[in-house]
Amino acid sequence: MSNLNQYCHPFVPRQILPLIHPQFVLFSPRFPDQRLTRLEALRGMTIDPAYASFTEATLGSLEPGKRADYVVLSKDIMDEGAEFGEVMKTKVVATVIDGRVVFGEA
């Protein structure tokens, strides 16, 4: 059996970085005041799409009774004061889907 765990994590921090940091000139908004905050970017990948797809009762946030899909990261990417280079070094330590660890150790 091939090792598919390397592809199992549902969240890659680099997916949201172009939305929140001006160093990604190609993907940054034309007007810097239109960049998303880190919290807005996180909500845009979690609770907001769950709400839009009418699945917020089971998806989108970590609450009792909901599916537990989340990642454990090596750094706190939500710290607005964190240096961009440090955020880019963030690694996925573990991935949990439906409450089961499918990658790493949680």
C-alpha atoms as a PDB file:
ATOM      1  CA  MET A   1       0.000   0.000   0.000  1.00  0.00           C
ATOM      2  CA  SER A   2       1.395   3.408  -0.925  1.00  0.00           C
ATOM      3  CA  ASN A   3       1.768   6.086   1.712  1.00  0.00           C
ATOM      4  CA  LEU A   4      -1.100   8.482   0.965  1.00  0.00           C
ATOM      5  CA  ASN A   5      -0.863  10.215   4.348  1.00  0.00           C
ATOM      6  CA  GLN A   6       1.290  12.945   2.863  1.00  0.00           C
ATOM      7  CA  TYR A   7      -1.749  14.050   0.853  1.00  0.00           C
ATOM      8  CA  CYS A   8      -4.354  13.762   3.621  1.00  0.00           C
ATOM      9  CA  HIS A   9      -4.070  17.109   5.338  1.00  0.00           C
ATOM     10  CA  PRO A  10      -7.000  19.343   4.319  1.00  0.00           C
ATOM     11  CA  PHE A  11      -5.317  22.629   5.158  1.00  0.00           C
ATOM     12  CA  VAL A  12      -2.048  23.954   3.819  1.00  0.00           C
ATOM     13  CA  PRO A  13      -1.083  27.309   5.355  1.00  0.00           C
ATOM     14  CA  ARG A  14       0.376  28.451   2.040  1.00  0.00           C
ATOM     15  CA  GLN A  15      -3.114  28.409   0.533  1.00  0.00           C
ATOM     16  CA  ILE A  16      -4.171  31.463   2.528  1.00  0.00           C
ATOM     17  CA  LEU A  17      -0.878  33.361   2.637  1.00  0.00           C
ATOM     18  CA  PRO A  18      -1.332  35.085  -0.733  1.00  0.00           C
ATOM     19  CA  LEU A  19      -4.499  36.602   0.657  1.00  0.00           C
ATOM     20  CA  ILE A  20      -2.918  38.073   3.774  1.00  0.00           C
ATOM     21  CA  HIS A  21       0.650  39.105   2.943  1.00  0.00           C
ATOM     22  CA  PRO A  22       1.858  41.720   0.444  1.00  0.00           C
ATOM     23  CA  GLN A  23       5.007  39.729  -0.430  1.00  0.00           C
ATOM     24  CA  PHE A  24       2.841  37.709  -2.824  1.00  0.00           C
ATOM     25  CA  VAL A  25       2.539  40.601  -5.252  1.00  0.00           C
ATOM     26  CA  LEU A  26       1.048  38.456  -8.020  1.00  0.00           C
ATOM     27  CA  PHE A  27      -1.855  37.347  -5.838  1.00  0.00           C
ATOM     28  CA  SER A  28      -2.218  40.338  -3.523  1.00  0.00           C
ATOM     29  CA  PRO A  29      -5.155  42.662  -3.973  1.00  0.00           C
ATOM     30  CA  ARG A  30      -4.403  45.812  -5.891  1.00  0.00           C
ATOM     31  CA  PHE A  31      -5.284  47.803  -2.794  1.00  0.00           C
ATOM     32  CA  PRO A  32      -3.570  46.652   0.424  1.00  0.00           C
ATOM     33  CA  ASP A  33      -6.527  47.731   2.548  1.00  0.00           C
ATOM     34  CA  GLN A  34      -8.523  44.953   0.848  1.00  0.00           C
ATOM     35  CA  ARG A  35      -6.279  42.156   2.163  1.00  0.00           C
ATOM     36  CA  LEU A  36      -7.926  39.654   4.466  1.00  0.00           C
ATOM     37  CA  THR A  37      -6.899  39.391   8.089  1.00  0.00           C
ATOM     38  CA  ARG A  38      -5.736  35.974   9.215  1.00  0.00           C
ATOM     39  CA  LEU A  39      -9.011  35.450  11.040  1.00  0.00           C
ATOM     40  CA  GLU A  40     -11.015  36.366   7.926  1.00  0.00           C
ATOM     41  CA  ALA A  41      -8.935  33.938   5.850  1.00  0.00           C
ATOM     42  CA  LEU A  42      -9.440  31.155   8.416  1.00  0.00           C
ATOM     43  CA  ARG A  43     -13.185  31.761   8.564  1.00  0.00           C
ATOM     44  CA  GLY A  44     -13.223  31.755   4.760  1.00  0.00           C
ATOM     45  CA  MET A  45     -11.936  28.166   4.820  1.00  0.00           C
ATOM     46  CA  THR A  46     -13.987  26.880   7.769  1.00  0.00           C
ATOM     47  CA  ILE A  47     -17.284  28.207   9.118  1.00  0.00           C
ATOM     48  CA  ASP A  48     -18.215  30.473   6.184  1.00  0.00           C
ATOM     49  CA  PRO A  49     -18.251  27.715   3.522  1.00  0.00           C
ATOM     50  CA  ALA A  50     -20.062  25.412   5.960  1.00  0.00           C
ATOM     51  CA  TYR A  51     -22.737  28.080   6.371  1.00  0.00           C
ATOM     52  CA  ALA A  52     -22.936  28.627   2.614  1.00  0.00           C
ATOM     53  CA  SER A  53     -23.455  24.898   2.023  1.00  0.00           C
ATOM     54  CA  PHE A  54     -26.001  24.543   4.847  1.00  0.00           C
ATOM     55  CA  THR A  55     -23.673  22.154   6.724  1.00  0.00           C
ATOM     56  CA  GLU A  56     -22.767  24.383   9.672  1.00  0.00           C
ATOM     57  CA  ALA A  57     -24.600  21.984  12.028  1.00  0.00           C
ATOM     58  CA  THR A  58     -21.869  19.380  11.423  1.00  0.00           C
ATOM     59  CA  LEU A  59     -18.928  21.238   9.849  1.00  0.00           C
ATOM     60  CA  GLY A  60     -16.972  24.463  10.053  1.00  0.00           C
ATOM     61  CA  SER A  61     -16.038  24.709  13.725  1.00  0.00           C
ATOM     62  CA  LEU A  62     -14.849  22.503  16.563  1.00  0.00           C
ATOM     63  CA  GLU A  63     -17.852  21.866  18.786  1.00  0.00           C
ATOM     64  CA  PRO A  64     -19.350  18.803  20.501  1.00  0.00           C
ATOM     65  CA  GLY A  65     -21.436  16.812  18.033  1.00  0.00           C
ATOM     66  CA  LYS A  66     -19.670  18.150  14.928  1.00  0.00           C
ATOM     67  CA  ARG A  67     -17.205  16.299  12.746  1.00  0.00           C
ATOM     68  CA  ALA A  68     -13.697  16.885  14.015  1.00  0.00           C
ATOM     69  CA  ASP A  69     -11.651  17.776  10.928  1.00  0.00           C
ATOM     70  CA  TYR A  70      -8.598  19.825  11.859  1.00  0.00           C
ATOM     71  CA  VAL A  71      -4.833  20.110  11.651  1.00  0.00           C
ATOM     72  CA  VAL A  72      -2.200  20.620  14.297  1.00  0.00           C
ATOM     73  CA  LEU A  73       0.433  23.087  13.110  1.00  0.00           C
ATOM     74  CA  SER A  74       4.012  23.578  14.246  1.00  0.00           C
ATOM     75  CA  LYS A  75       3.534  27.333  14.710  1.00  0.00           C
ATOM     76  CA  ASP A  76       0.792  29.788  15.641  1.00  0.00           C
ATOM     77  CA  ILE A  77      -0.137  31.194  12.231  1.00  0.00           C
ATOM     78  CA  MET A  78      -2.874  33.373  13.721  1.00  0.00           C
ATOM     79  CA  ASP A  79      -0.383  35.693  15.444  1.00  0.00           C
ATOM     80  CA  GLU A  80      -0.644  38.875  13.355  1.00  0.00           C
ATOM     81  CA  GLY A  81       2.792  39.937  14.611  1.00  0.00           C
ATOM     82  CA  ALA A  82       4.530  36.788  13.363  1.00  0.00           C
ATOM     83  CA  GLU A  83       7.156  37.378  10.726  1.00  0.00           C
ATOM     84  CA  PHE A  84       6.107  36.247   7.260  1.00  0.00           C
ATOM     85  CA  GLY A  85       9.159  34.004   6.871  1.00  0.00           C
ATOM     86  CA  GLU A  86       8.325  32.202  10.103  1.00  0.00           C
ATOM     87  CA  VAL A  87       4.733  31.585   9.022  1.00  0.00           C
ATOM     88  CA  MET A  88       6.011  30.100   5.740  1.00  0.00           C
ATOM     89  CA  LYS A  89       8.044  27.575   7.761  1.00  0.00           C
ATOM     90  CA  THR A  90       4.876  26.197   9.368  1.00  0.00           C
ATOM     91  CA  LYS A  91       4.542  22.429   9.095  1.00  0.00           C
ATOM     92  CA  VAL A  92       1.504  20.210   9.511  1.00  0.00           C
ATOM     93  CA  VAL A  93       2.220  18.067  12.582  1.00  0.00           C
ATOM     94  CA  ALA A  94      -1.021  16.077  12.499  1.00  0.00           C
ATOM     95  CA  THR A  95      -4.305  15.851  10.640  1.00  0.00           C
ATOM     96  CA  VAL A  96      -7.550  14.632  12.206  1.00  0.00           C
ATOM     97  CA  ILE A  97     -10.546  13.741  10.030  1.00  0.00           C
ATOM     98  CA  ASP A  98     -13.834  12.685  11.594  1.00  0.00           C
ATOM     99  CA  GLY A  99     -12.040  12.545  14.935  1.00  0.00           C
ATOM    100  CA  ARG A 100      -9.418  10.062  13.689  1.00  0.00           C
ATOM    101  CA  VAL A 101      -5.740  10.876  13.285  1.00  0.00           C
ATOM    102  CA  VAL A 102      -4.884  10.222   9.638  1.00  0.00           C
ATOM    103  CA  PHE A 103      -1.495  11.913   9.567  1.00  0.00           C
ATOM    104  CA  GLY A 104       1.099  12.388  12.310  1.00  0.00           C
ATOM    105  CA  GLU A 105       0.277  12.302  15.999  1.00  0.00           C
ATOM    106  CA  ALA A 106      -2.269  14.551  17.698  1.00  0.00           C
END
